[in-house]
Amino acid sequence: MTGGNKPGTVISDGHIGLVVTVIALIVITVAAGPRMALIVAGCFTAWFLLAVIVVYIRGGRGGEALGRAYVATFWWGDYISP
């Protein structure tokens, strides 16, 4: 999370990161085939699950844990949005 963001905008930055990830997976599928796209998607899924586990261990529960893991996985969308 970069400086000055309100908590509501962080989730929207995560949405932007997710959209860019989906577009990149489509490009990878076309360029390198579905096997490579599944490998990349699996890496993102593993990162998300690891983030959920860490947030859960640190006291986050339910929707809060999922939201924080989502932001931890796709936070870099902040660098794409103006």
PDB file of N, CA and C in Angstrom:
ATOM      1  N   MET A   1       0.836  -1.164   0.000  1.00  0.00           N
ATOM      2  CA  MET A   1       0.000   0.000   0.000  1.00  0.00           C
ATOM      3  C   MET A   1       0.881   1.226   0.000  1.00  0.00           C
ATOM      4  N   THR A   2       0.633   2.093  -0.907  1.00  0.00           N
ATOM      5  CA  THR A   2       1.460   3.273  -1.022  1.00  0.00           C
ATOM      6  C   THR A   2       0.863   4.408  -0.225  1.00  0.00           C
ATOM      7  N   GLY A   3       1.654   5.445  -0.002  1.00  0.00           N
ATOM      8  CA  GLY A   3       1.263   6.542   0.864  1.00  0.00           C
ATOM      9  C   GLY A   3       0.033   7.296   0.401  1.00  0.00           C
ATOM     10  N   GLY A   4      -0.770   7.717   1.374  1.00  0.00           N
ATOM     11  CA  GLY A   4      -1.900   8.579   1.095  1.00  0.00           C
ATOM     12  C   GLY A   4      -3.172   7.897   0.647  1.00  0.00           C
ATOM     13  N   ASN A   5      -3.164   6.617   0.433  1.00  0.00           N
ATOM     14  CA  ASN A   5      -4.374   5.929  -0.020  1.00  0.00           C
ATOM     15  C   ASN A   5      -5.343   5.743   1.130  1.00  0.00           C
ATOM     16  N   LYS A   6      -6.613   5.960   0.870  1.00  0.00           N
ATOM     17  CA  LYS A   6      -7.654   5.640   1.833  1.00  0.00           C
ATOM     18  C   LYS A   6      -7.937   4.151   1.715  1.00  0.00           C
ATOM     19  N   PRO A   7      -8.441   3.537   2.771  1.00  0.00           N
ATOM     20  CA  PRO A   7      -8.700   2.090   2.702  1.00  0.00           C
ATOM     21  C   PRO A   7      -9.624   1.689   1.561  1.00  0.00           C
ATOM     22  N   GLY A   8     -10.577   2.512   1.179  1.00  0.00           N
ATOM     23  CA  GLY A   8     -11.490   2.169   0.090  1.00  0.00           C
ATOM     24  C   GLY A   8     -10.803   2.121  -1.258  1.00  0.00           C
ATOM     25  N   THR A   9      -9.784   2.946  -1.454  1.00  0.00           N
ATOM     26  CA  THR A   9      -9.101   2.957  -2.741  1.00  0.00           C
ATOM     27  C   THR A   9      -8.129   1.797  -2.880  1.00  0.00           C
ATOM     28  N   VAL A  10      -7.705   1.220  -1.783  1.00  0.00           N
ATOM     29  CA  VAL A  10      -6.770   0.103  -1.849  1.00  0.00           C
ATOM     30  C   VAL A  10      -7.436  -1.098  -2.522  1.00  0.00           C
ATOM     31  N   ILE A  11      -8.694  -1.365  -2.187  1.00  0.00           N
ATOM     32  CA  ILE A  11      -9.418  -2.467  -2.821  1.00  0.00           C
ATOM     33  C   ILE A  11      -9.554  -2.214  -4.315  1.00  0.00           C
ATOM     34  N   SER A  12      -9.832  -0.976  -4.707  1.00  0.00           N
ATOM     35  CA  SER A  12      -9.956  -0.687  -6.139  1.00  0.00           C
ATOM     36  C   SER A  12      -8.617  -0.875  -6.844  1.00  0.00           C
ATOM     37  N   ASP A  13      -7.533  -0.573  -6.163  1.00  0.00           N
ATOM     38  CA  ASP A  13      -6.216  -0.842  -6.750  1.00  0.00           C
ATOM     39  C   ASP A  13      -6.009  -2.341  -6.926  1.00  0.00           C
ATOM     40  N   GLY A  14      -6.518  -3.115  -5.992  1.00  0.00           N
ATOM     41  CA  GLY A  14      -6.457  -4.576  -6.129  1.00  0.00           C
ATOM     42  C   GLY A  14      -7.250  -5.055  -7.325  1.00  0.00           C
ATOM     43  N   HIS A  15      -8.398  -4.416  -7.583  1.00  0.00           N
ATOM     44  CA  HIS A  15      -9.207  -4.782  -8.752  1.00  0.00           C
ATOM     45  C   HIS A  15      -8.435  -4.513 -10.037  1.00  0.00           C
ATOM     46  N   ILE A  16      -7.738  -3.381 -10.072  1.00  0.00           N
ATOM     47  CA  ILE A  16      -6.943  -3.053 -11.264  1.00  0.00           C
ATOM     48  C   ILE A  16      -5.843  -4.096 -11.459  1.00  0.00           C
ATOM     49  N   GLY A  17      -5.186  -4.497 -10.370  1.00  0.00           N
ATOM     50  CA  GLY A  17      -4.159  -5.532 -10.451  1.00  0.00           C
ATOM     51  C   GLY A  17      -4.713  -6.856 -10.941  1.00  0.00           C
ATOM     52  N   LEU A  18      -5.923  -7.203 -10.498  1.00  0.00           N
ATOM     53  CA  LEU A  18      -6.559  -8.440 -10.947  1.00  0.00           C
ATOM     54  C   LEU A  18      -6.884  -8.381 -12.435  1.00  0.00           C
ATOM     55  N   VAL A  19      -7.411  -7.260 -12.898  1.00  0.00           N
ATOM     56  CA  VAL A  19      -7.748  -7.121 -14.319  1.00  0.00           C
ATOM     57  C   VAL A  19      -6.491  -7.234 -15.175  1.00  0.00           C
ATOM     58  N   VAL A  20      -5.411  -6.591 -14.759  1.00  0.00           N
ATOM     59  CA  VAL A  20      -4.159  -6.676 -15.517  1.00  0.00           C
ATOM     60  C   VAL A  20      -3.636  -8.107 -15.510  1.00  0.00           C
ATOM     61  N   THR A  21      -3.790  -8.798 -14.404  1.00  0.00           N
ATOM     62  CA  THR A  21      -3.363 -10.191 -14.337  1.00  0.00           C
ATOM     63  C   THR A  21      -4.152 -11.069 -15.305  1.00  0.00           C
ATOM     64  N   VAL A  22      -5.461 -10.868 -15.361  1.00  0.00           N
ATOM     65  CA  VAL A  22      -6.301 -11.654 -16.279  1.00  0.00           C
ATOM     66  C   VAL A  22      -5.908 -11.357 -17.730  1.00  0.00           C
ATOM     67  N   ILE A  23      -5.685 -10.093 -18.054  1.00  0.00           N
ATOM     68  CA  ILE A  23      -5.266  -9.740 -19.420  1.00  0.00           C
ATOM     69  C   ILE A  23      -3.915 -10.385 -19.743  1.00  0.00           C
ATOM     70  N   ALA A  24      -2.993 -10.349 -18.776  1.00  0.00           N
ATOM     71  CA  ALA A  24      -1.684 -10.975 -18.996  1.00  0.00           C
ATOM     72  C   ALA A  24      -1.820 -12.480 -19.191  1.00  0.00           C
ATOM     73  N   LEU A  25      -2.726 -13.118 -18.453  1.00  0.00           N
ATOM     74  CA  LEU A  25      -2.938 -14.559 -18.623  1.00  0.00           C
ATOM     75  C   LEU A  25      -3.509 -14.872 -20.006  1.00  0.00           C
ATOM     76  N   ILE A  26      -4.371 -14.016 -20.519  1.00  0.00           N
ATOM     77  CA  ILE A  26      -4.902 -14.205 -21.876  1.00  0.00           C
ATOM     78  C   ILE A  26      -3.777 -14.090 -22.901  1.00  0.00           C
ATOM     79  N   VAL A  27      -2.921 -13.088 -22.726  1.00  0.00           N
ATOM     80  CA  VAL A  27      -1.790 -12.910 -23.646  1.00  0.00           C
ATOM     81  C   VAL A  27      -0.848 -14.111 -23.561  1.00  0.00           C
ATOM     82  N   ILE A  28      -0.579 -14.596 -22.354  1.00  0.00           N
ATOM     83  CA  ILE A  28       0.291 -15.759 -22.188  1.00  0.00           C
ATOM     84  C   ILE A  28      -0.325 -16.986 -22.849  1.00  0.00           C
ATOM     85  N   THR A  29      -1.644 -17.142 -22.718  1.00  0.00           N
ATOM     86  CA  THR A  29      -2.326 -18.279 -23.342  1.00  0.00           C
ATOM     87  C   THR A  29      -2.166 -18.245 -24.848  1.00  0.00           C
ATOM     88  N   VAL A  30      -2.317 -17.068 -25.441  1.00  0.00           N
ATOM     89  CA  VAL A  30      -2.197 -16.942 -26.893  1.00  0.00           C
ATOM     90  C   VAL A  30      -0.746 -17.148 -27.332  1.00  0.00           C
ATOM     91  N   ALA A  31       0.200 -16.575 -26.590  1.00  0.00           N
ATOM     92  CA  ALA A  31       1.596 -16.609 -27.006  1.00  0.00           C
ATOM     93  C   ALA A  31       2.292 -17.931 -26.681  1.00  0.00           C
ATOM     94  N   ALA A  32       2.025 -18.482 -25.489  1.00  0.00           N
ATOM     95  CA  ALA A  32       2.794 -19.644 -25.059  1.00  0.00           C
ATOM     96  C   ALA A  32       1.945 -20.890 -24.826  1.00  0.00           C
ATOM     97  N   GLY A  33       0.642 -20.747 -24.878  1.00  0.00           N
ATOM     98  CA  GLY A  33      -0.230 -21.901 -24.688  1.00  0.00           C
ATOM     99  C   GLY A  33      -0.835 -21.946 -23.297  1.00  0.00           C
ATOM    100  N   PRO A  34      -1.866 -22.757 -23.174  1.00  0.00           N
ATOM    101  CA  PRO A  34      -2.595 -22.815 -21.904  1.00  0.00           C
ATOM    102  C   PRO A  34      -1.786 -23.416 -20.747  1.00  0.00           C
ATOM    103  N   ARG A  35      -0.836 -24.260 -21.056  1.00  0.00           N
ATOM    104  CA  ARG A  35      -0.041 -24.862 -19.985  1.00  0.00           C
ATOM    105  C   ARG A  35       0.750 -23.802 -19.226  1.00  0.00           C
ATOM    106  N   MET A  36       1.370 -22.878 -19.939  1.00  0.00           N
ATOM    107  CA  MET A  36       2.137 -21.820 -19.288  1.00  0.00           C
ATOM    108  C   MET A  36       1.214 -20.880 -18.512  1.00  0.00           C
ATOM    109  N   ALA A  37       0.031 -20.594 -19.075  1.00  0.00           N
ATOM    110  CA  ALA A  37      -0.928 -19.738 -18.376  1.00  0.00           C
ATOM    111  C   ALA A  37      -1.394 -20.387 -17.079  1.00  0.00           C
ATOM    112  N   LEU A  38      -1.583 -21.697 -17.081  1.00  0.00           N
ATOM    113  CA  LEU A  38      -1.972 -22.402 -15.856  1.00  0.00           C
ATOM    114  C   LEU A  38      -0.870 -22.353 -14.803  1.00  0.00           C
ATOM    115  N   ILE A  39       0.364 -22.408 -15.232  1.00  0.00           N
ATOM    116  CA  ILE A  39       1.482 -22.306 -14.291  1.00  0.00           C
ATOM    117  C   ILE A  39       1.490 -20.932 -13.627  1.00  0.00           C
ATOM    118  N   VAL A  40       1.333 -19.882 -14.421  1.00  0.00           N
ATOM    119  CA  VAL A  40       1.317 -18.523 -13.877  1.00  0.00           C
ATOM    120  C   VAL A  40       0.103 -18.328 -12.966  1.00  0.00           C
ATOM    121  N   ALA A  41      -1.060 -18.791 -13.403  1.00  0.00           N
ATOM    122  CA  ALA A  41      -2.264 -18.678 -12.577  1.00  0.00           C
ATOM    123  C   ALA A  41      -2.099 -19.463 -11.273  1.00  0.00           C
ATOM    124  N   GLY A  42      -1.453 -20.593 -11.337  1.00  0.00           N
ATOM    125  CA  GLY A  42      -1.186 -21.378 -10.135  1.00  0.00           C
ATOM    126  C   GLY A  42      -0.278 -20.646  -9.158  1.00  0.00           C
ATOM    127  N   CYS A  43       0.686 -19.916  -9.691  1.00  0.00           N
ATOM    128  CA  CYS A  43       1.569 -19.120  -8.824  1.00  0.00           C
ATOM    129  C   CYS A  43       0.785 -18.026  -8.113  1.00  0.00           C
ATOM    130  N   PHE A  44      -0.095 -17.343  -8.829  1.00  0.00           N
ATOM    131  CA  PHE A  44      -0.925 -16.316  -8.197  1.00  0.00           C
ATOM    132  C   PHE A  44      -1.859 -16.931  -7.162  1.00  0.00           C
ATOM    133  N   THR A  45      -2.406 -18.085  -7.456  1.00  0.00           N
ATOM    134  CA  THR A  45      -3.295 -18.761  -6.511  1.00  0.00           C
ATOM    135  C   THR A  45      -2.541 -19.176  -5.255  1.00  0.00           C
ATOM    136  N   ALA A  46      -1.347 -19.705  -5.427  1.00  0.00           N
ATOM    137  CA  ALA A  46      -0.534 -20.099  -4.277  1.00  0.00           C
ATOM    138  C   ALA A  46      -0.187 -18.886  -3.417  1.00  0.00           C
ATOM    139  N   TRP A  47       0.159 -17.775  -4.054  1.00  0.00           N
ATOM    140  CA  TRP A  47       0.472 -16.545  -3.316  1.00  0.00           C
ATOM    141  C   TRP A  47      -0.750 -16.070  -2.528  1.00  0.00           C
ATOM    142  N   PHE A  48      -1.939 -16.113  -3.153  1.00  0.00           N
ATOM    143  CA  PHE A  48      -3.168 -15.696  -2.486  1.00  0.00           C
ATOM    144  C   PHE A  48      -3.455 -16.593  -1.282  1.00  0.00           C
ATOM    145  N   LEU A  49      -3.340 -17.904  -1.465  1.00  0.00           N
ATOM    146  CA  LEU A  49      -3.598 -18.830  -0.362  1.00  0.00           C
ATOM    147  C   LEU A  49      -2.595 -18.647   0.774  1.00  0.00           C
ATOM    148  N   LEU A  50      -1.347 -18.406   0.434  1.00  0.00           N
ATOM    149  CA  LEU A  50      -0.340 -18.126   1.455  1.00  0.00           C
ATOM    150  C   LEU A  50      -0.693 -16.852   2.218  1.00  0.00           C
ATOM    151  N   ALA A  51      -1.144 -15.825   1.494  1.00  0.00           N
ATOM    152  CA  ALA A  51      -1.536 -14.573   2.143  1.00  0.00           C
ATOM    153  C   ALA A  51      -2.735 -14.781   3.060  1.00  0.00           C
ATOM    154  N   VAL A  52      -3.710 -15.585   2.638  1.00  0.00           N
ATOM    155  CA  VAL A  52      -4.876 -15.878   3.494  1.00  0.00           C
ATOM    156  C   VAL A  52      -4.412 -16.571   4.768  1.00  0.00           C
ATOM    157  N   ILE A  53      -3.526 -17.524   4.664  1.00  0.00           N
ATOM    158  CA  ILE A  53      -3.031 -18.248   5.835  1.00  0.00           C
ATOM    159  C   ILE A  53      -2.300 -17.309   6.791  1.00  0.00           C
ATOM    160  N   VAL A  54      -1.443 -16.447   6.247  1.00  0.00           N
ATOM    161  CA  VAL A  54      -0.694 -15.510   7.090  1.00  0.00           C
ATOM    162  C   VAL A  54      -1.640 -14.536   7.788  1.00  0.00           C
ATOM    163  N   VAL A  55      -2.609 -13.988   7.047  1.00  0.00           N
ATOM    164  CA  VAL A  55      -3.562 -13.061   7.657  1.00  0.00           C
ATOM    165  C   VAL A  55      -4.379 -13.771   8.725  1.00  0.00           C
ATOM    166  N   TYR A  56      -4.781 -14.990   8.473  1.00  0.00           N
ATOM    167  CA  TYR A  56      -5.562 -15.763   9.444  1.00  0.00           C
ATOM    168  C   TYR A  56      -4.751 -16.021  10.714  1.00  0.00           C
ATOM    169  N   ILE A  57      -3.486 -16.384  10.557  1.00  0.00           N
ATOM    170  CA  ILE A  57      -2.620 -16.630  11.709  1.00  0.00           C
ATOM    171  C   ILE A  57      -2.432 -15.349  12.522  1.00  0.00           C
ATOM    172  N   ARG A  58      -2.373 -14.211  11.838  1.00  0.00           N
ATOM    173  CA  ARG A  58      -2.166 -12.939  12.531  1.00  0.00           C
ATOM    174  C   ARG A  58      -3.448 -12.346  13.099  1.00  0.00           C
ATOM    175  N   GLY A  59      -4.566 -13.058  13.019  1.00  0.00           N
ATOM    176  CA  GLY A  59      -5.771 -12.608  13.678  1.00  0.00           C
ATOM    177  C   GLY A  59      -6.902 -12.165  12.767  1.00  0.00           C
ATOM    178  N   GLY A  60      -6.703 -12.114  11.476  1.00  0.00           N
ATOM    179  CA  GLY A  60      -7.775 -11.754  10.554  1.00  0.00           C
ATOM    180  C   GLY A  60      -8.734 -12.912  10.389  1.00  0.00           C
ATOM    181  N   ARG A  61     -10.010 -12.618  10.345  1.00  0.00           N
ATOM    182  CA  ARG A  61     -11.006 -13.678  10.225  1.00  0.00           C
ATOM    183  C   ARG A  61     -11.980 -13.370   9.101  1.00  0.00           C
ATOM    184  N   GLY A  62     -12.522 -14.418   8.491  1.00  0.00           N
ATOM    185  CA  GLY A  62     -13.594 -14.295   7.510  1.00  0.00           C
ATOM    186  C   GLY A  62     -13.287 -13.391   6.340  1.00  0.00           C
ATOM    187  N   GLY A  63     -14.218 -12.484   6.070  1.00  0.00           N
ATOM    188  CA  GLY A  63     -14.090 -11.575   4.930  1.00  0.00           C
ATOM    189  C   GLY A  63     -12.897 -10.646   5.046  1.00  0.00           C
ATOM    190  N   GLU A  64     -12.541 -10.291   6.283  1.00  0.00           N
ATOM    191  CA  GLU A  64     -11.375  -9.428   6.474  1.00  0.00           C
ATOM    192  C   GLU A  64     -10.105 -10.128   5.983  1.00  0.00           C
ATOM    193  N   ALA A  65      -9.974 -11.407   6.304  1.00  0.00           N
ATOM    194  CA  ALA A  65      -8.796 -12.164   5.873  1.00  0.00           C
ATOM    195  C   ALA A  65      -8.744 -12.256   4.355  1.00  0.00           C
ATOM    196  N   LEU A  66      -9.890 -12.514   3.728  1.00  0.00           N
ATOM    197  CA  LEU A  66      -9.909 -12.602   2.267  1.00  0.00           C
ATOM    198  C   LEU A  66      -9.603 -11.252   1.626  1.00  0.00           C
ATOM    199  N   GLY A  67     -10.171 -10.185   2.164  1.00  0.00           N
ATOM    200  CA  GLY A  67      -9.918  -8.855   1.618  1.00  0.00           C
ATOM    201  C   GLY A  67      -8.467  -8.445   1.749  1.00  0.00           C
ATOM    202  N   ARG A  68      -7.876  -8.707   2.904  1.00  0.00           N
ATOM    203  CA  ARG A  68      -6.472  -8.356   3.100  1.00  0.00           C
ATOM    204  C   ARG A  68      -5.554  -9.202   2.226  1.00  0.00           C
ATOM    205  N   ALA A  69      -5.892 -10.475   2.040  1.00  0.00           N
ATOM    206  CA  ALA A  69      -5.092 -11.336   1.163  1.00  0.00           C
ATOM    207  C   ALA A  69      -5.221 -10.891  -0.292  1.00  0.00           C
ATOM    208  N   TYR A  70      -6.421 -10.465  -0.678  1.00  0.00           N
ATOM    209  CA  TYR A  70      -6.656  -9.960  -2.039  1.00  0.00           C
ATOM    210  C   TYR A  70      -5.796  -8.732  -2.302  1.00  0.00           C
ATOM    211  N   VAL A  71      -5.783  -7.809  -1.344  1.00  0.00           N
ATOM    212  CA  VAL A  71      -4.965  -6.604  -1.486  1.00  0.00           C
ATOM    213  C   VAL A  71      -3.485  -6.974  -1.497  1.00  0.00           C
ATOM    214  N   ALA A  72      -3.077  -7.935  -0.657  1.00  0.00           N
ATOM    215  CA  ALA A  72      -1.673  -8.343  -0.625  1.00  0.00           C
ATOM    216  C   ALA A  72      -1.239  -8.981  -1.944  1.00  0.00           C
ATOM    217  N   THR A  73      -2.165  -9.622  -2.638  1.00  0.00           N
ATOM    218  CA  THR A  73      -1.835 -10.282  -3.901  1.00  0.00           C
ATOM    219  C   THR A  73      -1.810  -9.301  -5.069  1.00  0.00           C
ATOM    220  N   PHE A  74      -2.748  -8.371  -5.100  1.00  0.00           N
ATOM    221  CA  PHE A  74      -2.896  -7.501  -6.272  1.00  0.00           C
ATOM    222  C   PHE A  74      -2.672  -6.018  -5.974  1.00  0.00           C
ATOM    223  N   TRP A  75      -1.974  -5.685  -4.900  1.00  0.00           N
ATOM    224  CA  TRP A  75      -1.751  -4.293  -4.515  1.00  0.00           C
ATOM    225  C   TRP A  75      -1.024  -3.486  -5.577  1.00  0.00           C
ATOM    226  N   TRP A  76      -0.246  -4.145  -6.378  1.00  0.00           N
ATOM    227  CA  TRP A  76       0.582  -3.436  -7.361  1.00  0.00           C
ATOM    228  C   TRP A  76      -0.256  -2.753  -8.433  1.00  0.00           C
ATOM    229  N   GLY A  77      -1.560  -2.972  -8.458  1.00  0.00           N
ATOM    230  CA  GLY A  77      -2.431  -2.230  -9.377  1.00  0.00           C
ATOM    231  C   GLY A  77      -2.406  -0.747  -9.103  1.00  0.00           C
ATOM    232  N   ASP A  78      -1.986  -0.351  -7.899  1.00  0.00           N
ATOM    233  CA  ASP A  78      -1.857   1.053  -7.543  1.00  0.00           C
ATOM    234  C   ASP A  78      -0.861   1.758  -8.458  1.00  0.00           C
ATOM    235  N   TYR A  79       0.150   1.056  -8.903  1.00  0.00           N
ATOM    236  CA  TYR A  79       1.164   1.667  -9.760  1.00  0.00           C
ATOM    237  C   TYR A  79       0.658   1.878 -11.195  1.00  0.00           C
ATOM    238  N   ILE A  80      -0.426   1.209 -11.570  1.00  0.00           N
ATOM    239  CA  ILE A  80      -0.968   1.338 -12.904  1.00  0.00           C
ATOM    240  C   ILE A  80      -2.008   2.443 -12.966  1.00  0.00           C
ATOM    241  N   SER A  81      -2.775   2.580 -11.880  1.00  0.00           N
ATOM    242  CA  SER A  81      -3.845   3.595 -11.880  1.00  0.00           C
ATOM    243  C   SER A  81      -3.249   4.982 -11.677  1.00  0.00           C
ATOM    244  N   PRO A  82      -3.925   5.994 -12.207  1.00  0.00           N
ATOM    245  CA  PRO A  82      -3.404   7.365 -12.069  1.00  0.00           C
ATOM    246  C   PRO A  82      -3.530   7.887 -10.671  1.00  0.00           C
TER     247      PRO A  82
END
